[in-house]
């Protein structure tokens, strides 16, 4: 009887840093070198790190805008059709459709659809939920919640070369560099 043993393949290079300043300067250096598939991890938010990493502005506000406004307009047009065209309901000689009565509910529909756009847009843009990540296998990565700072460079990065990338991280004052397998 033979068993099919699955070999693990390398996924990324994990480097730890001692403090915020060394992580920040390492992120700037990797951005300037042109690395594309890498990320930084810290136990707390670091103001300005997204600029140091060279991240672009999020598309989420545009998703919310292009979902919320049309949904509010669609709700208003639906009530216009129902009460002003399809089923005219005469009440004391008032107009068949008065937009003032439907403005607040249409605004609420816009807000509610915007909230759903935030939720589903965030999940789609961040590729969540992801129940397993190769970094969870690295024992040193568990320190990210205890005050350690990490940079992960994925092996699929076009600029990744084992020796050159490792020496670059060492020159950026990385303390512990290890290969993470998937």
N, C-alpha and C. Protein backbone atom coordinates (compact mmCIF):
# COMPACT_ATOMS: atom_id res chain seq x y z
N UNK A 1 0.85 -1.17 0.00
CA UNK A 1 0.00 0.00 0.00
C UNK A 1 0.89 1.23 0.00
N UNK A 2 0.60 2.16 -0.89
CA UNK A 2 1.40 3.38 -0.95
C UNK A 2 0.54 4.58 -0.60
N UNK A 3 1.16 5.50 0.08
CA UNK A 3 0.46 6.71 0.47
C UNK A 3 0.96 7.86 -0.38
N UNK A 4 0.05 8.70 -0.75
CA UNK A 4 0.41 9.87 -1.53
C UNK A 4 0.76 11.00 -0.56
N UNK A 5 2.03 11.26 -0.41
CA UNK A 5 2.48 12.30 0.52
C UNK A 5 2.61 13.60 -0.25
N UNK A 6 1.92 14.59 0.25
CA UNK A 6 1.91 15.89 -0.41
C UNK A 6 3.10 16.71 0.09
N UNK A 7 3.96 17.11 -0.83
CA UNK A 7 5.11 17.94 -0.45
C UNK A 7 4.68 19.40 -0.37
N UNK A 8 5.16 20.05 0.66
CA UNK A 8 4.85 21.47 0.81
C UNK A 8 5.83 22.27 -0.03
N UNK A 9 5.31 23.32 -0.66
CA UNK A 9 6.16 24.16 -1.48
C UNK A 9 6.34 25.52 -0.81
N UNK A 10 7.44 26.18 -1.07
CA UNK A 10 7.68 27.48 -0.45
C UNK A 10 6.65 28.52 -0.90
N UNK A 11 6.26 29.36 0.04
CA UNK A 11 5.25 30.38 -0.26
C UNK A 11 5.83 31.79 -0.19
N UNK A 12 6.59 32.08 0.86
CA UNK A 12 7.05 33.45 1.08
C UNK A 12 8.27 33.47 1.97
N UNK A 13 8.89 34.63 2.02
CA UNK A 13 10.01 34.89 2.91
C UNK A 13 9.50 35.80 4.02
N UNK A 14 9.64 35.37 5.27
CA UNK A 14 9.13 36.10 6.42
C UNK A 14 10.30 36.70 7.18
N UNK A 15 10.24 38.00 7.41
CA UNK A 15 11.31 38.70 8.13
C UNK A 15 10.71 39.47 9.29
N UNK A 16 11.33 39.38 10.45
CA UNK A 16 10.84 40.11 11.62
C UNK A 16 11.71 41.33 11.89
N UNK A 17 11.09 42.35 12.47
CA UNK A 17 11.78 43.60 12.79
C UNK A 17 11.50 43.95 14.23
N UNK A 18 12.41 44.71 14.84
CA UNK A 18 12.30 45.00 16.27
C UNK A 18 11.36 46.13 16.61
N UNK A 19 11.32 47.17 15.78
CA UNK A 19 10.51 48.33 16.14
C UNK A 19 9.84 48.92 14.91
N UNK A 20 9.01 49.92 15.17
CA UNK A 20 8.21 50.55 14.12
C UNK A 20 9.10 51.25 13.10
N UNK A 21 10.14 51.93 13.57
CA UNK A 21 11.00 52.68 12.66
C UNK A 21 11.72 51.77 11.67
N UNK A 22 12.22 50.64 12.13
CA UNK A 22 12.90 49.73 11.21
C UNK A 22 11.91 49.11 10.22
N UNK A 23 10.69 48.81 10.67
CA UNK A 23 9.66 48.29 9.76
C UNK A 23 9.30 49.35 8.72
N UNK A 24 9.14 50.58 9.17
CA UNK A 24 8.77 51.68 8.29
C UNK A 24 9.83 51.91 7.21
N UNK A 25 11.09 51.94 7.62
CA UNK A 25 12.16 52.17 6.64
C UNK A 25 12.33 50.98 5.70
N UNK A 26 12.09 49.76 6.19
CA UNK A 26 12.16 48.58 5.33
C UNK A 26 11.04 48.61 4.29
N UNK A 27 9.86 49.05 4.70
CA UNK A 27 8.75 49.16 3.75
C UNK A 27 9.05 50.18 2.66
N UNK A 28 9.63 51.30 3.05
CA UNK A 28 10.00 52.30 2.05
C UNK A 28 11.05 51.76 1.08
N UNK A 29 12.01 51.01 1.61
CA UNK A 29 13.06 50.46 0.75
C UNK A 29 12.50 49.42 -0.22
N UNK A 30 11.62 48.56 0.24
CA UNK A 30 11.02 47.57 -0.64
C UNK A 30 10.15 48.22 -1.70
N UNK A 31 9.44 49.28 -1.31
CA UNK A 31 8.64 50.03 -2.28
C UNK A 31 9.54 50.64 -3.35
N UNK A 32 10.64 51.24 -2.92
CA UNK A 32 11.55 51.89 -3.87
C UNK A 32 12.26 50.89 -4.78
N UNK A 33 12.49 49.68 -4.29
CA UNK A 33 13.12 48.64 -5.12
C UNK A 33 12.16 48.10 -6.17
N UNK A 34 10.86 48.24 -5.95
CA UNK A 34 9.88 47.80 -6.93
C UNK A 34 9.21 46.47 -6.64
N UNK A 35 9.33 45.97 -5.43
CA UNK A 35 8.64 44.73 -5.08
C UNK A 35 7.13 44.97 -5.11
N UNK A 36 6.39 43.97 -5.59
CA UNK A 36 4.94 44.13 -5.75
C UNK A 36 4.12 43.23 -4.84
N UNK A 37 4.56 42.00 -4.59
CA UNK A 37 3.77 41.04 -3.81
C UNK A 37 4.40 40.86 -2.43
N UNK A 38 4.12 41.80 -1.56
CA UNK A 38 4.64 41.75 -0.20
C UNK A 38 3.66 42.49 0.71
N UNK A 39 3.80 42.26 1.99
CA UNK A 39 2.92 42.89 2.96
C UNK A 39 3.66 43.09 4.27
N UNK A 40 3.15 44.02 5.08
CA UNK A 40 3.73 44.31 6.39
C UNK A 40 2.67 44.04 7.45
N UNK A 41 3.12 43.51 8.59
CA UNK A 41 2.21 43.17 9.68
C UNK A 41 2.73 43.79 10.97
N UNK A 42 1.81 44.35 11.75
CA UNK A 42 2.18 44.91 13.04
C UNK A 42 1.03 44.66 14.02
N UNK A 43 1.31 44.72 15.32
CA UNK A 43 0.26 44.45 16.31
C UNK A 43 -0.72 45.62 16.48
N UNK A 44 -0.42 46.76 15.88
CA UNK A 44 -1.30 47.92 15.98
C UNK A 44 -1.18 48.74 14.69
N UNK A 45 -2.15 49.59 14.40
CA UNK A 45 -2.07 50.41 13.19
C UNK A 45 -0.90 51.39 13.26
N UNK A 46 -0.23 51.56 12.16
CA UNK A 46 0.89 52.50 12.08
C UNK A 46 0.52 53.58 11.08
N UNK A 47 0.41 54.81 11.55
CA UNK A 47 0.01 55.93 10.70
C UNK A 47 1.05 56.15 9.61
N UNK A 48 0.60 56.19 8.37
CA UNK A 48 1.48 56.47 7.24
C UNK A 48 2.14 55.25 6.63
N UNK A 49 1.90 54.06 7.19
CA UNK A 49 2.53 52.85 6.66
C UNK A 49 2.05 52.54 5.25
N UNK A 50 0.79 52.85 4.96
CA UNK A 50 0.27 52.58 3.62
C UNK A 50 0.99 53.42 2.57
N UNK A 51 1.41 54.63 2.92
CA UNK A 51 2.19 55.45 1.99
C UNK A 51 3.60 54.91 1.86
N UNK A 52 4.16 54.44 2.97
CA UNK A 52 5.50 53.86 2.93
C UNK A 52 5.52 52.59 2.09
N UNK A 53 4.41 51.87 2.08
CA UNK A 53 4.31 50.65 1.29
C UNK A 53 3.97 50.94 -0.17
N UNK A 54 3.50 52.15 -0.45
CA UNK A 54 3.13 52.51 -1.82
C UNK A 54 1.77 51.98 -2.22
N UNK A 55 0.88 51.80 -1.24
CA UNK A 55 -0.45 51.29 -1.55
C UNK A 55 -1.30 52.38 -2.19
N UNK A 56 -2.15 51.99 -3.11
CA UNK A 56 -3.04 52.93 -3.78
C UNK A 56 -4.26 53.18 -2.90
N UNK A 57 -4.98 54.24 -3.25
CA UNK A 57 -6.23 54.55 -2.55
C UNK A 57 -7.23 53.42 -2.79
N UNK A 58 -8.03 53.11 -1.80
CA UNK A 58 -9.00 52.04 -1.88
C UNK A 58 -10.10 52.36 -2.89
N UNK A 59 -10.61 51.32 -3.54
CA UNK A 59 -11.73 51.48 -4.48
C UNK A 59 -13.07 51.41 -3.76
N UNK A 60 -13.06 51.11 -2.48
CA UNK A 60 -14.30 50.91 -1.73
C UNK A 60 -15.21 52.15 -1.72
N UNK A 61 -14.70 53.38 -1.55
CA UNK A 61 -15.62 54.53 -1.59
C UNK A 61 -16.35 54.66 -2.93
N UNK A 62 -15.68 54.32 -4.02
CA UNK A 62 -16.33 54.40 -5.33
C UNK A 62 -17.40 53.32 -5.47
N UNK A 63 -17.13 52.15 -4.93
CA UNK A 63 -18.14 51.08 -4.96
C UNK A 63 -19.38 51.52 -4.20
N UNK A 64 -19.18 52.11 -3.03
CA UNK A 64 -20.30 52.56 -2.21
C UNK A 64 -21.08 53.66 -2.93
N UNK A 65 -20.38 54.59 -3.55
CA UNK A 65 -21.04 55.68 -4.26
C UNK A 65 -21.87 55.15 -5.43
N UNK A 66 -21.30 54.25 -6.21
CA UNK A 66 -22.00 53.76 -7.40
C UNK A 66 -23.05 52.70 -7.09
N UNK A 67 -23.17 52.30 -5.84
CA UNK A 67 -24.27 51.42 -5.43
C UNK A 67 -25.34 52.23 -4.71
N UNK A 68 -24.95 53.09 -3.79
CA UNK A 68 -25.90 53.82 -2.95
C UNK A 68 -26.77 54.80 -3.72
N UNK A 69 -26.17 55.64 -4.54
CA UNK A 69 -26.95 56.66 -5.27
C UNK A 69 -27.93 56.02 -6.25
N UNK A 70 -27.49 55.09 -7.11
CA UNK A 70 -28.49 54.48 -8.01
C UNK A 70 -29.60 53.73 -7.29
N UNK A 71 -29.29 53.10 -6.16
CA UNK A 71 -30.35 52.38 -5.43
C UNK A 71 -31.36 53.35 -4.83
N UNK A 72 -30.91 54.50 -4.34
CA UNK A 72 -31.83 55.52 -3.83
C UNK A 72 -32.71 56.07 -4.95
N UNK A 73 -32.11 56.33 -6.10
CA UNK A 73 -32.87 56.82 -7.25
C UNK A 73 -33.84 55.75 -7.74
N UNK A 74 -33.40 54.51 -7.76
CA UNK A 74 -34.28 53.41 -8.18
C UNK A 74 -35.48 53.27 -7.24
N UNK A 75 -35.26 53.41 -5.94
CA UNK A 75 -36.37 53.35 -4.99
C UNK A 75 -37.35 54.48 -5.24
N UNK A 76 -36.82 55.69 -5.47
CA UNK A 76 -37.69 56.84 -5.74
C UNK A 76 -38.49 56.63 -7.03
N UNK A 77 -37.84 56.12 -8.07
CA UNK A 77 -38.53 55.86 -9.34
C UNK A 77 -39.56 54.74 -9.20
N UNK A 78 -39.27 53.74 -8.37
CA UNK A 78 -40.22 52.65 -8.15
C UNK A 78 -41.49 53.19 -7.50
N UNK A 79 -41.35 54.04 -6.48
CA UNK A 79 -42.53 54.61 -5.83
C UNK A 79 -43.25 55.58 -6.76
N UNK A 80 -42.51 56.28 -7.60
CA UNK A 80 -43.13 57.14 -8.59
C UNK A 80 -44.02 56.32 -9.53
N UNK A 81 -43.50 55.20 -10.00
CA UNK A 81 -44.27 54.35 -10.90
C UNK A 81 -45.49 53.75 -10.19
N UNK A 82 -45.27 53.23 -8.98
CA UNK A 82 -46.37 52.56 -8.28
C UNK A 82 -47.49 53.53 -7.92
N UNK A 83 -47.16 54.72 -7.41
CA UNK A 83 -48.18 55.63 -6.90
C UNK A 83 -48.59 56.72 -7.88
N UNK A 84 -47.79 56.96 -8.91
CA UNK A 84 -48.12 58.04 -9.83
C UNK A 84 -48.57 57.57 -11.19
N UNK A 85 -48.28 56.32 -11.56
CA UNK A 85 -48.61 55.83 -12.89
C UNK A 85 -49.45 54.56 -12.83
N UNK A 86 -48.94 53.55 -12.17
CA UNK A 86 -49.57 52.23 -12.20
C UNK A 86 -50.86 52.18 -11.40
N UNK A 87 -50.85 52.70 -10.19
CA UNK A 87 -52.03 52.63 -9.33
C UNK A 87 -52.26 54.01 -8.73
N UNK A 88 -52.95 54.83 -9.47
CA UNK A 88 -53.21 56.20 -9.01
C UNK A 88 -54.24 56.16 -7.89
N UNK A 89 -53.83 56.67 -6.78
CA UNK A 89 -54.68 56.63 -5.60
C UNK A 89 -55.00 58.08 -5.22
N UNK A 90 -56.22 58.49 -5.42
CA UNK A 90 -56.62 59.87 -5.18
C UNK A 90 -56.96 60.05 -3.70
N UNK A 91 -56.26 60.99 -3.07
CA UNK A 91 -56.52 61.31 -1.66
C UNK A 91 -56.73 62.81 -1.57
N UNK A 92 -57.97 63.23 -1.39
CA UNK A 92 -58.34 64.63 -1.15
C UNK A 92 -57.79 65.58 -2.19
N UNK A 93 -57.71 65.14 -3.43
CA UNK A 93 -57.28 66.01 -4.52
C UNK A 93 -55.80 66.32 -4.54
N UNK A 94 -55.00 65.58 -3.79
CA UNK A 94 -53.55 65.80 -3.77
C UNK A 94 -52.94 65.22 -5.03
N UNK A 95 -51.72 65.64 -5.39
CA UNK A 95 -51.08 65.08 -6.59
C UNK A 95 -50.85 63.58 -6.45
N UNK A 96 -50.78 62.89 -7.60
CA UNK A 96 -50.61 61.44 -7.57
C UNK A 96 -49.24 61.04 -7.00
N UNK A 97 -48.26 61.86 -7.26
CA UNK A 97 -46.93 61.56 -6.70
C UNK A 97 -46.34 62.85 -6.16
N UNK A 98 -45.98 62.82 -4.90
CA UNK A 98 -45.33 63.95 -4.26
C UNK A 98 -43.98 63.46 -3.75
N UNK A 99 -42.91 63.90 -4.37
CA UNK A 99 -41.57 63.37 -4.07
C UNK A 99 -41.15 63.63 -2.63
N UNK A 100 -41.68 64.67 -1.99
CA UNK A 100 -41.27 65.01 -0.64
C UNK A 100 -41.60 63.88 0.34
N UNK A 101 -42.68 63.16 0.10
CA UNK A 101 -43.07 62.09 1.00
C UNK A 101 -42.14 60.88 0.87
N UNK A 102 -41.47 60.76 -0.25
CA UNK A 102 -40.65 59.57 -0.51
C UNK A 102 -39.14 59.84 -0.44
N UNK A 103 -38.78 61.09 -0.19
CA UNK A 103 -37.35 61.42 -0.18
C UNK A 103 -36.61 60.73 0.96
N UNK A 104 -37.13 60.80 2.17
CA UNK A 104 -36.47 60.19 3.33
C UNK A 104 -36.40 58.67 3.19
N UNK A 105 -37.49 57.98 2.81
CA UNK A 105 -37.36 56.53 2.60
C UNK A 105 -36.36 56.17 1.50
N UNK A 106 -36.30 56.98 0.43
CA UNK A 106 -35.32 56.72 -0.63
C UNK A 106 -33.89 56.91 -0.10
N UNK A 107 -33.73 57.91 0.76
CA UNK A 107 -32.43 58.13 1.39
C UNK A 107 -32.05 56.94 2.26
N UNK A 108 -33.01 56.39 2.97
CA UNK A 108 -32.74 55.22 3.81
C UNK A 108 -32.38 54.00 2.96
N UNK A 109 -33.03 53.84 1.82
CA UNK A 109 -32.67 52.75 0.90
C UNK A 109 -31.24 52.94 0.40
N UNK A 110 -30.88 54.19 0.10
CA UNK A 110 -29.52 54.48 -0.35
C UNK A 110 -28.51 54.14 0.74
N UNK A 111 -28.82 54.50 1.99
CA UNK A 111 -27.91 54.20 3.09
C UNK A 111 -27.78 52.70 3.33
N UNK A 112 -28.91 52.00 3.29
CA UNK A 112 -28.89 50.56 3.52
C UNK A 112 -28.11 49.84 2.41
N UNK A 113 -28.35 50.21 1.17
CA UNK A 113 -27.61 49.56 0.08
C UNK A 113 -26.12 49.94 0.13
N UNK A 114 -25.81 51.14 0.60
CA UNK A 114 -24.40 51.52 0.77
C UNK A 114 -23.73 50.68 1.85
N UNK A 115 -24.47 50.38 2.91
CA UNK A 115 -23.92 49.54 3.98
C UNK A 115 -23.62 48.14 3.45
N UNK A 116 -24.53 47.60 2.65
CA UNK A 116 -24.27 46.29 2.05
C UNK A 116 -23.11 46.36 1.06
N UNK A 117 -22.99 47.48 0.34
CA UNK A 117 -21.87 47.64 -0.60
C UNK A 117 -20.55 47.68 0.15
N UNK A 118 -20.53 48.31 1.33
CA UNK A 118 -19.32 48.33 2.15
C UNK A 118 -18.96 46.92 2.58
N UNK A 119 -19.93 46.18 3.07
CA UNK A 119 -19.67 44.83 3.55
C UNK A 119 -19.16 43.92 2.44
N UNK A 120 -19.93 43.81 1.36
CA UNK A 120 -19.55 42.88 0.30
C UNK A 120 -18.37 43.39 -0.52
N UNK A 121 -18.24 44.71 -0.67
CA UNK A 121 -17.08 45.27 -1.36
C UNK A 121 -15.79 45.02 -0.58
N UNK A 122 -15.85 45.20 0.74
CA UNK A 122 -14.69 44.92 1.58
C UNK A 122 -14.28 43.46 1.49
N UNK A 123 -15.27 42.56 1.60
CA UNK A 123 -14.97 41.13 1.52
C UNK A 123 -14.37 40.76 0.17
N UNK A 124 -14.88 41.35 -0.91
CA UNK A 124 -14.37 41.04 -2.24
C UNK A 124 -12.97 41.62 -2.45
N UNK A 125 -12.74 42.85 -2.03
CA UNK A 125 -11.44 43.48 -2.26
C UNK A 125 -10.34 42.86 -1.41
N UNK A 126 -10.67 42.37 -0.23
CA UNK A 126 -9.67 41.76 0.63
C UNK A 126 -9.60 40.24 0.49
N UNK A 127 -10.43 39.71 -0.41
CA UNK A 127 -10.47 38.27 -0.69
C UNK A 127 -10.74 37.46 0.58
N UNK A 128 -11.66 37.97 1.37
CA UNK A 128 -12.07 37.27 2.58
C UNK A 128 -13.39 36.56 2.34
N UNK A 129 -13.79 35.59 3.05
CA UNK A 129 -13.06 34.97 4.14
C UNK A 129 -12.01 33.99 3.62
N UNK A 130 -10.87 34.00 4.25
CA UNK A 130 -9.80 33.05 3.96
C UNK A 130 -9.53 32.34 5.27
N UNK A 131 -9.85 31.07 5.29
CA UNK A 131 -9.80 30.33 6.55
C UNK A 131 -8.41 29.82 6.89
N UNK A 132 -7.53 29.79 5.91
CA UNK A 132 -6.17 29.33 6.19
C UNK A 132 -5.20 30.15 5.36
N UNK A 133 -4.11 30.51 5.98
CA UNK A 133 -3.04 31.22 5.28
C UNK A 133 -1.73 30.54 5.67
N UNK A 134 -0.81 30.41 4.74
CA UNK A 134 0.47 29.75 5.06
C UNK A 134 1.23 30.40 6.21
N UNK A 135 1.02 31.69 6.45
CA UNK A 135 1.74 32.36 7.54
C UNK A 135 1.35 31.81 8.90
N UNK A 136 0.15 31.23 9.00
CA UNK A 136 -0.28 30.68 10.28
C UNK A 136 0.58 29.49 10.71
N UNK A 137 1.29 28.88 9.77
CA UNK A 137 2.15 27.73 10.08
C UNK A 137 3.49 28.17 10.69
N UNK A 138 3.90 29.40 10.42
CA UNK A 138 5.18 29.89 10.95
C UNK A 138 5.03 30.21 12.43
N UNK A 139 5.86 29.57 13.25
CA UNK A 139 5.77 29.77 14.70
C UNK A 139 6.11 31.21 15.10
N UNK A 140 7.08 31.81 14.43
CA UNK A 140 7.47 33.17 14.81
C UNK A 140 6.38 34.19 14.47
N UNK A 141 5.52 33.87 13.51
CA UNK A 141 4.48 34.82 13.12
C UNK A 141 3.42 34.99 14.21
N UNK A 142 3.32 34.05 15.11
CA UNK A 142 2.36 34.20 16.21
C UNK A 142 2.71 35.40 17.09
N UNK A 143 3.94 35.90 17.00
CA UNK A 143 4.36 37.06 17.77
C UNK A 143 3.82 38.37 17.24
N UNK A 144 3.11 38.33 16.11
CA UNK A 144 2.58 39.57 15.55
C UNK A 144 1.55 40.21 16.46
N UNK A 145 0.93 39.43 17.32
CA UNK A 145 -0.03 40.00 18.27
C UNK A 145 0.62 40.39 19.59
N UNK A 146 1.89 40.07 19.75
CA UNK A 146 2.59 40.36 21.01
C UNK A 146 3.61 41.48 20.90
N UNK A 147 3.68 42.15 19.78
CA UNK A 147 4.60 43.27 19.67
C UNK A 147 5.67 43.09 18.62
N UNK A 148 5.61 42.07 17.81
CA UNK A 148 6.60 41.88 16.75
C UNK A 148 6.09 42.49 15.45
N UNK A 149 7.01 42.86 14.59
CA UNK A 149 6.70 43.46 13.31
C UNK A 149 7.27 42.58 12.21
N UNK A 150 6.51 42.37 11.14
CA UNK A 150 6.92 41.44 10.09
C UNK A 150 6.72 42.03 8.71
N UNK A 151 7.56 41.57 7.80
CA UNK A 151 7.37 41.80 6.36
C UNK A 151 7.41 40.44 5.70
N UNK A 152 6.47 40.22 4.80
CA UNK A 152 6.38 38.97 4.07
C UNK A 152 6.52 39.28 2.58
N UNK A 153 7.49 38.68 1.93
CA UNK A 153 7.66 38.83 0.48
C UNK A 153 7.32 37.48 -0.15
N UNK A 154 6.30 37.49 -1.00
CA UNK A 154 5.87 36.24 -1.62
C UNK A 154 6.84 35.85 -2.73
N UNK A 155 6.98 34.54 -2.92
CA UNK A 155 7.91 34.02 -3.93
C UNK A 155 7.44 34.29 -5.34
N UNK A 156 6.17 34.63 -5.54
CA UNK A 156 5.67 34.92 -6.88
C UNK A 156 6.05 36.33 -7.35
N UNK A 157 6.66 37.11 -6.48
CA UNK A 157 7.08 38.45 -6.86
C UNK A 157 8.13 38.37 -7.97
N UNK A 158 7.99 39.16 -9.04
CA UNK A 158 8.95 39.09 -10.14
C UNK A 158 10.39 39.42 -9.74
N UNK A 159 10.57 40.24 -8.72
CA UNK A 159 11.92 40.62 -8.29
C UNK A 159 12.53 39.65 -7.29
N UNK A 160 11.76 38.64 -6.88
CA UNK A 160 12.26 37.73 -5.86
C UNK A 160 13.36 36.83 -6.40
N UNK A 161 14.49 36.89 -5.75
CA UNK A 161 15.60 35.95 -5.95
C UNK A 161 16.08 35.61 -4.55
N UNK A 162 16.18 34.35 -4.26
CA UNK A 162 16.39 33.88 -2.89
C UNK A 162 17.53 34.62 -2.18
N UNK A 163 18.72 34.56 -2.72
CA UNK A 163 19.87 35.16 -2.04
C UNK A 163 19.81 36.68 -2.02
N UNK A 164 19.43 37.27 -3.15
CA UNK A 164 19.42 38.72 -3.24
C UNK A 164 18.35 39.32 -2.31
N UNK A 165 17.16 38.70 -2.26
CA UNK A 165 16.10 39.21 -1.40
C UNK A 165 16.44 39.03 0.07
N UNK A 166 17.05 37.90 0.41
CA UNK A 166 17.43 37.67 1.80
C UNK A 166 18.51 38.66 2.24
N UNK A 167 19.49 38.93 1.38
CA UNK A 167 20.52 39.90 1.75
C UNK A 167 19.96 41.31 1.83
N UNK A 168 18.96 41.61 1.00
CA UNK A 168 18.31 42.93 1.09
C UNK A 168 17.61 43.08 2.44
N UNK A 169 16.88 42.04 2.86
CA UNK A 169 16.20 42.10 4.15
C UNK A 169 17.19 42.19 5.30
N UNK A 170 18.31 41.49 5.20
CA UNK A 170 19.34 41.59 6.25
C UNK A 170 19.92 42.99 6.32
N UNK A 171 20.10 43.63 5.16
CA UNK A 171 20.62 44.99 5.15
C UNK A 171 19.61 46.00 5.70
N UNK A 172 18.34 45.61 5.72
CA UNK A 172 17.30 46.49 6.26
C UNK A 172 17.04 46.23 7.75
N UNK A 173 17.94 45.55 8.40
CA UNK A 173 17.92 45.23 9.84
C UNK A 173 16.83 44.24 10.22
N UNK A 174 16.56 43.27 9.36
CA UNK A 174 15.63 42.19 9.72
C UNK A 174 16.33 41.26 10.70
N UNK A 175 15.63 40.85 11.74
CA UNK A 175 16.24 40.02 12.78
C UNK A 175 16.15 38.53 12.47
N UNK A 176 15.00 38.06 12.10
CA UNK A 176 14.82 36.64 11.85
C UNK A 176 14.18 36.48 10.47
N UNK A 177 14.87 35.81 9.57
CA UNK A 177 14.35 35.59 8.21
C UNK A 177 14.15 34.10 8.03
N UNK A 178 12.94 33.73 7.61
CA UNK A 178 12.68 32.31 7.40
C UNK A 178 11.78 32.13 6.19
N UNK A 179 11.85 30.95 5.61
CA UNK A 179 11.03 30.59 4.47
C UNK A 179 9.75 29.96 4.98
N UNK A 180 8.61 30.45 4.52
CA UNK A 180 7.30 29.94 4.92
C UNK A 180 6.80 29.03 3.81
N UNK A 181 6.38 27.82 4.20
CA UNK A 181 5.89 26.86 3.22
C UNK A 181 4.37 26.82 3.25
N UNK A 182 3.79 26.54 2.09
CA UNK A 182 2.32 26.51 2.01
C UNK A 182 1.80 25.10 2.24
